[in-house]
Amino acid sequence: MKRAHVFWFTGLSGAGKTTVAEGVAALLSERGVTVAILDGDDVRARFHTHLGFSEADIKENNRLIGLLCQEQRGDADVILVPVIAPYRSARQSARDTLSPDFHEVHFSASVDTVAARDVKGMYRAARDGKITNLIGFSPSAPYEPPEHADFTIDSGSEPVSDSVGRLFRHVLGVLGQPC
């Protein structure tokens, strides 16, 4: 029976988590590795619409995503989880629940960088006062970067193709497969 390794991404909105997850998943699939992606936005829209964006609701959303990972572990070799996951305590809870095959991947990019990209228009909305709790941007919604991530992507300066390639090779190494 399979027991998927879980790669739990964390980083600001717009840091490239979903883009890199999709690229890595495609490369892994070409190698015959079974991959599931539990994207934070998709999971929230499909299963957790009752939750808001308070600290308590975000932590609960992360907890529920962890449970989804547990449920799907037997169906995949790898589960990629691109979520903001802004709170260290929630990420630690996910690690506690999903270890020993839990791997925290930090997408490092400054607020200025992701605000300049503004892929979803959220940073503009926050500047215009339409969003008051944008994680890492609004004073009331801090982002707590990992103190000791298992792998770091410098998405503020590294091209997406390099990020995809590096993470792909890292995942293969974790799985014990040659590059």
N, C-alpha and C. Protein backbone atom coordinates (compact mmCIF):
# COMPACT_ATOMS: atom_id res chain seq x y z
N MET A 1 0.84 -1.19 0.00
CA MET A 1 0.00 0.00 0.00
C MET A 1 0.88 1.25 0.00
N LYS A 2 0.47 2.23 -0.80
CA LYS A 2 1.22 3.47 -0.88
C LYS A 2 1.07 4.27 0.41
N ARG A 3 2.08 5.06 0.70
CA ARG A 3 2.00 6.03 1.78
C ARG A 3 2.68 7.27 1.25
N ALA A 4 1.91 8.21 0.77
CA ALA A 4 2.43 9.39 0.08
C ALA A 4 3.30 10.24 1.00
N HIS A 5 4.35 10.76 0.41
CA HIS A 5 5.11 11.82 1.05
C HIS A 5 4.31 13.11 0.82
N VAL A 6 4.18 13.91 1.85
CA VAL A 6 3.44 15.16 1.76
C VAL A 6 4.44 16.32 1.73
N PHE A 7 4.36 17.12 0.68
CA PHE A 7 5.18 18.32 0.55
C PHE A 7 4.25 19.51 0.77
N TRP A 8 4.34 20.08 1.97
CA TRP A 8 3.45 21.15 2.43
C TRP A 8 4.13 22.48 2.13
N PHE A 9 3.58 23.20 1.15
CA PHE A 9 4.16 24.48 0.75
C PHE A 9 3.66 25.57 1.68
N THR A 10 4.46 26.59 1.85
CA THR A 10 4.05 27.77 2.61
C THR A 10 4.71 28.99 1.99
N GLY A 11 3.97 30.07 1.90
CA GLY A 11 4.48 31.32 1.34
C GLY A 11 3.33 32.27 1.08
N LEU A 12 3.68 33.49 0.83
CA LEU A 12 2.67 34.53 0.58
C LEU A 12 1.86 34.23 -0.67
N SER A 13 0.68 34.80 -0.73
CA SER A 13 -0.13 34.72 -1.94
C SER A 13 0.66 35.32 -3.10
N GLY A 14 0.72 34.62 -4.21
CA GLY A 14 1.46 35.10 -5.36
C GLY A 14 2.92 34.69 -5.40
N ALA A 15 3.34 33.85 -4.46
CA ALA A 15 4.75 33.44 -4.41
C ALA A 15 5.07 32.32 -5.39
N GLY A 16 4.07 31.77 -6.07
CA GLY A 16 4.32 30.75 -7.08
C GLY A 16 4.08 29.32 -6.64
N LYS A 17 3.42 29.13 -5.52
CA LYS A 17 3.24 27.80 -4.96
C LYS A 17 2.45 26.88 -5.91
N THR A 18 1.33 27.33 -6.39
CA THR A 18 0.51 26.50 -7.27
C THR A 18 1.19 26.27 -8.61
N THR A 19 1.80 27.29 -9.15
CA THR A 19 2.51 27.17 -10.43
C THR A 19 3.61 26.12 -10.35
N VAL A 20 4.40 26.18 -9.30
CA VAL A 20 5.48 25.21 -9.12
C VAL A 20 4.91 23.82 -8.86
N ALA A 21 3.86 23.72 -8.06
CA ALA A 21 3.24 22.42 -7.80
C ALA A 21 2.79 21.76 -9.10
N GLU A 22 2.16 22.52 -9.95
CA GLU A 22 1.68 21.97 -11.23
C GLU A 22 2.84 21.52 -12.11
N GLY A 23 3.91 22.30 -12.14
CA GLY A 23 5.09 21.93 -12.94
C GLY A 23 5.76 20.68 -12.41
N VAL A 24 5.93 20.60 -11.10
CA VAL A 24 6.55 19.42 -10.48
C VAL A 24 5.66 18.20 -10.69
N ALA A 25 4.36 18.36 -10.53
CA ALA A 25 3.44 17.25 -10.71
C ALA A 25 3.53 16.68 -12.13
N ALA A 26 3.63 17.56 -13.11
CA ALA A 26 3.73 17.10 -14.50
C ALA A 26 5.01 16.29 -14.71
N LEU A 27 6.12 16.76 -14.19
CA LEU A 27 7.39 16.05 -14.34
C LEU A 27 7.38 14.71 -13.60
N LEU A 28 6.82 14.71 -12.41
CA LEU A 28 6.73 13.46 -11.65
C LEU A 28 5.83 12.45 -12.36
N SER A 29 4.73 12.91 -12.89
CA SER A 29 3.80 12.03 -13.61
C SER A 29 4.48 11.39 -14.80
N GLU A 30 5.32 12.15 -15.50
CA GLU A 30 6.07 11.60 -16.63
C GLU A 30 6.98 10.46 -16.19
N ARG A 31 7.40 10.48 -14.95
CA ARG A 31 8.27 9.43 -14.37
C ARG A 31 7.47 8.29 -13.76
N GLY A 32 6.16 8.34 -13.87
CA GLY A 32 5.33 7.27 -13.32
C GLY A 32 5.01 7.42 -11.84
N VAL A 33 5.30 8.59 -11.28
CA VAL A 33 5.00 8.87 -9.88
C VAL A 33 3.56 9.38 -9.80
N THR A 34 2.77 8.80 -8.93
CA THR A 34 1.38 9.22 -8.76
C THR A 34 1.35 10.44 -7.83
N VAL A 35 0.73 11.52 -8.31
CA VAL A 35 0.75 12.80 -7.59
C VAL A 35 -0.66 13.31 -7.38
N ALA A 36 -0.92 13.83 -6.19
CA ALA A 36 -2.15 14.56 -5.90
C ALA A 36 -1.75 15.97 -5.50
N ILE A 37 -2.53 16.94 -5.93
CA ILE A 37 -2.34 18.33 -5.51
C ILE A 37 -3.56 18.74 -4.71
N LEU A 38 -3.32 19.19 -3.48
CA LEU A 38 -4.40 19.73 -2.64
C LEU A 38 -4.14 21.23 -2.51
N ASP A 39 -4.59 21.97 -3.50
CA ASP A 39 -4.38 23.42 -3.55
C ASP A 39 -5.29 24.10 -2.53
N GLY A 40 -4.71 24.99 -1.75
CA GLY A 40 -5.46 25.65 -0.69
C GLY A 40 -6.70 26.37 -1.17
N ASP A 41 -6.59 27.09 -2.28
CA ASP A 41 -7.75 27.82 -2.81
C ASP A 41 -8.86 26.85 -3.24
N ASP A 42 -8.47 25.78 -3.93
CA ASP A 42 -9.46 24.81 -4.40
C ASP A 42 -10.13 24.08 -3.24
N VAL A 43 -9.33 23.65 -2.27
CA VAL A 43 -9.88 22.92 -1.12
C VAL A 43 -10.85 23.81 -0.35
N ARG A 44 -10.47 25.06 -0.16
CA ARG A 44 -11.34 25.99 0.57
C ARG A 44 -12.65 26.19 -0.20
N ALA A 45 -12.57 26.38 -1.50
CA ALA A 45 -13.76 26.63 -2.30
C ALA A 45 -14.67 25.40 -2.38
N ARG A 46 -14.09 24.21 -2.36
CA ARG A 46 -14.89 22.98 -2.49
C ARG A 46 -15.40 22.44 -1.17
N PHE A 47 -14.58 22.52 -0.12
CA PHE A 47 -14.91 21.82 1.11
C PHE A 47 -15.07 22.71 2.34
N HIS A 48 -14.42 23.84 2.36
CA HIS A 48 -14.35 24.63 3.60
C HIS A 48 -14.93 26.04 3.42
N THR A 49 -15.99 26.16 2.67
CA THR A 49 -16.58 27.47 2.41
C THR A 49 -17.14 28.11 3.68
N HIS A 50 -17.37 27.31 4.71
CA HIS A 50 -17.89 27.82 5.97
C HIS A 50 -16.83 28.59 6.76
N LEU A 51 -15.57 28.47 6.36
CA LEU A 51 -14.49 29.12 7.10
C LEU A 51 -14.17 30.48 6.52
N GLY A 52 -13.88 31.42 7.40
CA GLY A 52 -13.46 32.74 6.97
C GLY A 52 -11.94 32.83 6.94
N PHE A 53 -11.43 34.02 7.21
CA PHE A 53 -9.99 34.24 7.15
C PHE A 53 -9.42 34.78 8.46
N SER A 54 -10.11 34.49 9.56
CA SER A 54 -9.55 34.82 10.87
C SER A 54 -8.41 33.84 11.13
N GLU A 55 -7.58 34.15 12.12
CA GLU A 55 -6.49 33.24 12.47
C GLU A 55 -7.04 31.85 12.82
N ALA A 56 -8.10 31.81 13.60
CA ALA A 56 -8.69 30.53 14.00
C ALA A 56 -9.20 29.76 12.78
N ASP A 57 -9.85 30.44 11.85
CA ASP A 57 -10.38 29.77 10.67
C ASP A 57 -9.26 29.28 9.75
N ILE A 58 -8.21 30.06 9.63
CA ILE A 58 -7.07 29.64 8.80
C ILE A 58 -6.42 28.39 9.41
N LYS A 59 -6.25 28.39 10.70
CA LYS A 59 -5.67 27.22 11.37
C LYS A 59 -6.58 26.00 11.21
N GLU A 60 -7.88 26.20 11.31
CA GLU A 60 -8.82 25.10 11.12
C GLU A 60 -8.76 24.60 9.68
N ASN A 61 -8.69 25.49 8.73
CA ASN A 61 -8.56 25.10 7.32
C ASN A 61 -7.31 24.25 7.12
N ASN A 62 -6.20 24.68 7.69
CA ASN A 62 -4.95 23.92 7.58
C ASN A 62 -5.09 22.55 8.23
N ARG A 63 -5.76 22.48 9.37
CA ARG A 63 -5.98 21.19 10.05
C ARG A 63 -6.79 20.26 9.16
N LEU A 64 -7.84 20.80 8.56
CA LEU A 64 -8.70 19.99 7.70
C LEU A 64 -7.96 19.54 6.44
N ILE A 65 -7.08 20.38 5.91
CA ILE A 65 -6.26 19.97 4.76
C ILE A 65 -5.33 18.83 5.18
N GLY A 66 -4.79 18.90 6.38
CA GLY A 66 -3.98 17.81 6.89
C GLY A 66 -4.75 16.50 6.93
N LEU A 67 -6.01 16.57 7.35
CA LEU A 67 -6.85 15.36 7.38
C LEU A 67 -7.11 14.83 5.97
N LEU A 68 -7.29 15.74 5.01
CA LEU A 68 -7.44 15.32 3.61
C LEU A 68 -6.19 14.61 3.12
N CYS A 69 -5.03 15.12 3.52
CA CYS A 69 -3.77 14.46 3.16
C CYS A 69 -3.75 13.04 3.71
N GLN A 70 -4.14 12.89 4.97
CA GLN A 70 -4.18 11.55 5.58
C GLN A 70 -5.10 10.62 4.79
N GLU A 71 -6.26 11.13 4.41
CA GLU A 71 -7.23 10.32 3.68
C GLU A 71 -6.71 9.88 2.32
N GLN A 72 -5.90 10.73 1.68
CA GLN A 72 -5.45 10.45 0.32
C GLN A 72 -4.07 9.81 0.25
N ARG A 73 -3.44 9.58 1.38
CA ARG A 73 -2.08 9.03 1.38
C ARG A 73 -1.96 7.69 0.67
N GLY A 74 -2.99 6.88 0.74
CA GLY A 74 -2.92 5.57 0.09
C GLY A 74 -3.15 5.61 -1.40
N ASP A 75 -3.51 6.77 -1.94
CA ASP A 75 -3.84 6.89 -3.35
C ASP A 75 -2.72 7.50 -4.19
N ALA A 76 -1.64 7.94 -3.57
CA ALA A 76 -0.59 8.64 -4.31
C ALA A 76 0.77 8.33 -3.71
N ASP A 77 1.79 8.61 -4.51
CA ASP A 77 3.17 8.53 -4.02
C ASP A 77 3.57 9.85 -3.37
N VAL A 78 3.02 10.94 -3.92
CA VAL A 78 3.36 12.29 -3.48
C VAL A 78 2.09 13.12 -3.42
N ILE A 79 1.96 13.90 -2.35
CA ILE A 79 0.89 14.90 -2.26
C ILE A 79 1.57 16.26 -2.13
N LEU A 80 1.24 17.14 -3.06
CA LEU A 80 1.74 18.52 -3.03
C LEU A 80 0.63 19.40 -2.49
N VAL A 81 0.97 20.24 -1.51
CA VAL A 81 -0.04 21.04 -0.82
C VAL A 81 0.34 22.53 -0.89
N PRO A 82 -0.01 23.20 -2.00
CA PRO A 82 0.28 24.63 -2.08
C PRO A 82 -0.77 25.44 -1.32
N VAL A 83 -0.40 25.87 -0.11
CA VAL A 83 -1.25 26.69 0.75
C VAL A 83 -0.41 27.83 1.31
N ILE A 84 -1.04 28.88 1.74
CA ILE A 84 -0.28 29.97 2.37
C ILE A 84 0.26 29.49 3.71
N ALA A 85 -0.57 28.83 4.51
CA ALA A 85 -0.18 28.29 5.81
C ALA A 85 0.70 29.28 6.57
N PRO A 86 0.13 30.41 6.98
CA PRO A 86 0.95 31.49 7.53
C PRO A 86 1.43 31.30 8.96
N TYR A 87 0.86 30.34 9.68
CA TYR A 87 1.17 30.24 11.10
C TYR A 87 2.06 29.03 11.40
N ARG A 88 3.16 29.29 12.09
CA ARG A 88 4.09 28.21 12.44
C ARG A 88 3.40 27.10 13.22
N SER A 89 2.54 27.47 14.14
CA SER A 89 1.89 26.45 14.97
C SER A 89 1.03 25.51 14.13
N ALA A 90 0.35 26.05 13.12
CA ALA A 90 -0.48 25.20 12.25
C ALA A 90 0.39 24.30 11.39
N ARG A 91 1.52 24.82 10.92
CA ARG A 91 2.43 23.98 10.13
C ARG A 91 3.04 22.89 11.02
N GLN A 92 3.34 23.23 12.26
CA GLN A 92 3.87 22.22 13.18
C GLN A 92 2.82 21.14 13.45
N SER A 93 1.58 21.54 13.58
CA SER A 93 0.51 20.55 13.77
C SER A 93 0.40 19.63 12.57
N ALA A 94 0.52 20.20 11.37
CA ALA A 94 0.49 19.37 10.15
C ALA A 94 1.67 18.41 10.16
N ARG A 95 2.86 18.89 10.54
CA ARG A 95 4.04 18.03 10.62
C ARG A 95 3.81 16.91 11.64
N ASP A 96 3.27 17.26 12.79
CA ASP A 96 3.01 16.26 13.83
C ASP A 96 2.03 15.19 13.34
N THR A 97 1.02 15.62 12.61
CA THR A 97 -0.01 14.71 12.12
C THR A 97 0.51 13.82 10.99
N LEU A 98 1.34 14.40 10.11
CA LEU A 98 1.70 13.71 8.87
C LEU A 98 3.10 13.13 8.84
N SER A 99 3.87 13.32 9.89
CA SER A 99 5.23 12.76 9.93
C SER A 99 5.13 11.25 10.01
N PRO A 100 6.15 10.54 9.55
CA PRO A 100 7.49 11.02 9.24
C PRO A 100 7.68 11.51 7.80
N ASP A 101 6.70 11.35 6.95
CA ASP A 101 6.88 11.69 5.54
C ASP A 101 6.28 13.05 5.20
N PHE A 102 6.56 14.03 6.04
CA PHE A 102 6.09 15.41 5.88
C PHE A 102 7.31 16.27 5.56
N HIS A 103 7.17 17.13 4.55
CA HIS A 103 8.28 17.97 4.11
C HIS A 103 7.75 19.40 3.90
N GLU A 104 8.27 20.33 4.69
CA GLU A 104 7.84 21.73 4.58
C GLU A 104 8.69 22.43 3.52
N VAL A 105 8.01 23.06 2.55
CA VAL A 105 8.67 23.76 1.46
C VAL A 105 8.29 25.23 1.55
N HIS A 106 9.28 26.07 1.82
CA HIS A 106 9.03 27.51 1.98
C HIS A 106 9.28 28.23 0.66
N PHE A 107 8.28 28.99 0.23
CA PHE A 107 8.39 29.84 -0.95
C PHE A 107 8.70 31.25 -0.46
N SER A 108 9.94 31.62 -0.56
CA SER A 108 10.42 32.90 -0.04
C SER A 108 10.32 33.97 -1.11
N ALA A 109 9.54 34.99 -0.84
CA ALA A 109 9.42 36.15 -1.72
C ALA A 109 8.94 37.31 -0.85
N SER A 110 9.48 38.46 -1.09
CA SER A 110 9.09 39.63 -0.30
C SER A 110 7.67 40.08 -0.65
N VAL A 111 7.08 40.80 0.26
CA VAL A 111 5.75 41.37 0.00
C VAL A 111 5.80 42.28 -1.22
N ASP A 112 6.87 43.05 -1.37
CA ASP A 112 6.99 43.92 -2.55
C ASP A 112 6.96 43.11 -3.84
N THR A 113 7.64 41.98 -3.85
CA THR A 113 7.70 41.14 -5.05
C THR A 113 6.32 40.58 -5.40
N VAL A 114 5.65 39.98 -4.41
CA VAL A 114 4.35 39.38 -4.70
C VAL A 114 3.30 40.46 -4.98
N ALA A 115 3.43 41.61 -4.35
CA ALA A 115 2.48 42.71 -4.62
C ALA A 115 2.67 43.24 -6.04
N ALA A 116 3.91 43.25 -6.52
CA ALA A 116 4.16 43.68 -7.90
C ALA A 116 3.57 42.69 -8.90
N ARG A 117 3.62 41.41 -8.57
CA ARG A 117 3.02 40.38 -9.45
C ARG A 117 1.50 40.48 -9.40
N ASP A 118 0.97 40.56 -8.20
CA ASP A 118 -0.47 40.68 -7.90
C ASP A 118 -1.34 39.86 -8.84
N VAL A 119 -1.04 38.59 -8.94
CA VAL A 119 -1.70 37.68 -9.87
C VAL A 119 -3.21 37.68 -9.70
N LYS A 120 -3.70 37.74 -8.49
CA LYS A 120 -5.14 37.65 -8.22
C LYS A 120 -5.78 39.01 -7.92
N GLY A 121 -4.99 40.08 -7.96
CA GLY A 121 -5.52 41.41 -7.67
C GLY A 121 -5.77 41.67 -6.19
N MET A 122 -5.27 40.78 -5.34
CA MET A 122 -5.53 40.90 -3.91
C MET A 122 -4.74 42.04 -3.26
N TYR A 123 -3.53 42.26 -3.71
CA TYR A 123 -2.72 43.32 -3.11
C TYR A 123 -3.28 44.70 -3.47
N ARG A 124 -3.77 44.85 -4.68
CA ARG A 124 -4.43 46.11 -5.06
C ARG A 124 -5.67 46.31 -4.20
N ALA A 125 -6.45 45.24 -4.02
CA ALA A 125 -7.66 45.33 -3.19
C ALA A 125 -7.29 45.70 -1.76
N ALA A 126 -6.20 45.16 -1.25
CA ALA A 126 -5.76 45.49 0.12
C ALA A 126 -5.32 46.95 0.20
N ARG A 127 -4.58 47.41 -0.80
CA ARG A 127 -4.16 48.83 -0.82
C ARG A 127 -5.37 49.76 -0.88
N ASP A 128 -6.43 49.31 -1.58
CA ASP A 128 -7.64 50.12 -1.73
C ASP A 128 -8.60 49.96 -0.56
N GLY A 129 -8.22 49.15 0.44
CA GLY A 129 -9.06 48.97 1.61
C GLY A 129 -10.20 47.99 1.44
N LYS A 130 -10.23 47.28 0.32
CA LYS A 130 -11.30 46.31 0.08
C LYS A 130 -11.04 44.98 0.80
N ILE A 131 -9.78 44.70 1.08
CA ILE A 131 -9.38 43.54 1.87
C ILE A 131 -8.61 44.09 3.06
N THR A 132 -9.01 43.71 4.25
CA THR A 132 -8.36 44.28 5.43
C THR A 132 -7.45 43.31 6.16
N ASN A 133 -7.43 42.06 5.71
CA ASN A 133 -6.63 41.06 6.43
C ASN A 133 -5.80 40.20 5.48
N LEU A 134 -5.18 40.80 4.49
CA LEU A 134 -4.36 40.05 3.54
C LEU A 134 -3.07 39.61 4.22
N ILE A 135 -2.86 38.33 4.25
CA ILE A 135 -1.73 37.75 4.99
C ILE A 135 -0.41 38.29 4.49
N GLY A 136 0.39 38.76 5.45
CA GLY A 136 1.72 39.27 5.15
C GLY A 136 1.74 40.71 4.67
N PHE A 137 0.58 41.24 4.37
CA PHE A 137 0.47 42.60 3.86
C PHE A 137 -0.22 43.51 4.87
N SER A 138 -1.32 43.04 5.41
CA SER A 138 -2.08 43.80 6.39
C SER A 138 -1.45 43.61 7.77
N PRO A 139 -1.32 44.69 8.54
CA PRO A 139 -0.73 44.58 9.89
C PRO A 139 -1.45 43.57 10.78
N SER A 140 -2.74 43.38 10.56
CA SER A 140 -3.52 42.48 11.41
C SER A 140 -3.37 41.01 11.00
N ALA A 141 -2.65 40.73 9.90
CA ALA A 141 -2.55 39.36 9.40
C ALA A 141 -1.10 39.02 9.06
N PRO A 142 -0.30 38.75 10.08
CA PRO A 142 1.12 38.47 9.82
C PRO A 142 1.35 37.12 9.14
N TYR A 143 2.46 37.04 8.43
CA TYR A 143 2.95 35.76 7.90
C TYR A 143 4.18 35.39 8.71
N GLU A 144 4.19 34.19 9.24
CA GLU A 144 5.31 33.71 10.06
C GLU A 144 6.15 32.75 9.21
N PRO A 145 7.27 33.22 8.66
CA PRO A 145 8.07 32.32 7.83
C PRO A 145 8.64 31.18 8.66
N PRO A 146 8.90 30.05 8.02
CA PRO A 146 9.46 28.92 8.76
C PRO A 146 10.84 29.24 9.31
N GLU A 147 11.13 28.68 10.46
CA GLU A 147 12.46 28.84 11.03
C GLU A 147 13.41 27.79 10.47
N HIS A 148 12.88 26.62 10.11
CA HIS A 148 13.72 25.52 9.61
C HIS A 148 12.94 24.72 8.57
N ALA A 149 12.71 25.29 7.40
CA ALA A 149 12.01 24.56 6.34
C ALA A 149 12.89 23.41 5.85
N ASP A 150 12.25 22.38 5.34
CA ASP A 150 12.98 21.25 4.78
C ASP A 150 13.56 21.59 3.41
N PHE A 151 12.96 22.54 2.72
CA PHE A 151 13.41 22.95 1.39
C PHE A 151 12.91 24.37 1.17
N THR A 152 13.73 25.20 0.53
CA THR A 152 13.33 26.59 0.28
C THR A 152 13.44 26.90 -1.21
N ILE A 153 12.42 27.55 -1.70
CA ILE A 153 12.38 28.08 -3.06
C ILE A 153 12.46 29.59 -2.93
N ASP A 154 13.45 30.21 -3.57
CA ASP A 154 13.56 31.67 -3.57
C ASP A 154 12.77 32.20 -4.76
N SER A 155 11.46 32.21 -4.60
CA SER A 155 10.60 32.59 -5.72
C SER A 155 10.62 34.09 -5.98
N GLY A 156 11.30 34.84 -5.12
CA GLY A 156 11.45 36.27 -5.37
C GLY A 156 12.48 36.55 -6.44
N SER A 157 13.43 35.64 -6.63
CA SER A 157 14.48 35.91 -7.62
C SER A 157 14.74 34.75 -8.57
N GLU A 158 14.31 33.54 -8.22
CA GLU A 158 14.60 32.38 -9.04
C GLU A 158 13.53 32.21 -10.12
N PRO A 159 13.91 31.97 -11.36
CA PRO A 159 12.89 31.72 -12.41
C PRO A 159 12.05 30.48 -12.08
N VAL A 160 10.80 30.49 -12.48
CA VAL A 160 9.88 29.39 -12.19
C VAL A 160 10.46 28.07 -12.67
N SER A 161 11.04 28.05 -13.86
CA SER A 161 11.58 26.80 -14.38
C SER A 161 12.68 26.24 -13.48
N ASP A 162 13.50 27.11 -12.91
CA ASP A 162 14.53 26.66 -11.98
C ASP A 162 13.91 26.11 -10.69
N SER A 163 12.88 26.80 -10.20
CA SER A 163 12.19 26.34 -8.99
C SER A 163 11.57 24.96 -9.21
N VAL A 164 10.91 24.79 -10.35
CA VAL A 164 10.29 23.50 -10.68
C VAL A 164 11.36 22.42 -10.75
N GLY A 165 12.45 22.69 -11.45
CA GLY A 165 13.50 21.70 -11.59
C GLY A 165 14.16 21.32 -10.28
N ARG A 166 14.44 22.31 -9.45
CA ARG A 166 15.07 22.03 -8.15
C ARG A 166 14.16 21.21 -7.25
N LEU A 167 12.88 21.61 -7.19
CA LEU A 167 11.97 20.87 -6.32
C LEU A 167 11.72 19.47 -6.87
N PHE A 168 11.62 19.32 -8.16
CA PHE A 168 11.46 18.01 -8.78
C PHE A 168 12.62 17.09 -8.39
N ARG A 169 13.84 17.57 -8.51
CA ARG A 169 15.01 16.77 -8.14
C ARG A 169 15.00 16.45 -6.64
N HIS A 170 14.58 17.41 -5.82
CA HIS A 170 14.49 17.16 -4.38
C HIS A 170 13.48 16.06 -4.08
N VAL A 171 12.31 16.12 -4.69
CA VAL A 171 11.28 15.12 -4.46
C VAL A 171 11.78 13.74 -4.90
N LEU A 172 12.42 13.68 -6.08
CA LEU A 172 12.98 12.40 -6.53
C LEU A 172 13.97 11.86 -5.50
N GLY A 173 14.80 12.74 -4.96
CA GLY A 173 15.76 12.30 -3.94
C GLY A 173 15.07 11.75 -2.71
N VAL A 174 14.02 12.42 -2.27
CA VAL A 174 13.25 11.94 -1.10
C VAL A 174 12.67 10.56 -1.40
N LEU A 175 12.21 10.36 -2.64
CA LEU A 175 11.62 9.09 -3.03
C LEU A 175 12.66 8.01 -3.30
N GLY A 176 13.94 8.42 -3.31
CA GLY A 176 15.01 7.46 -3.58
C GLY A 176 15.14 7.10 -5.04
N GLN A 177 14.67 7.99 -5.90
CA GLN A 177 14.74 7.75 -7.35
C GLN A 177 15.88 8.57 -7.95
N PRO A 178 16.54 8.04 -8.97
CA PRO A 178 17.60 8.81 -9.63
C PRO A 178 17.03 10.00 -10.41
N CYS A 179 17.84 11.03 -10.53
CA CYS A 179 17.40 12.23 -11.29
C CYS A 179 17.47 12.01 -12.75
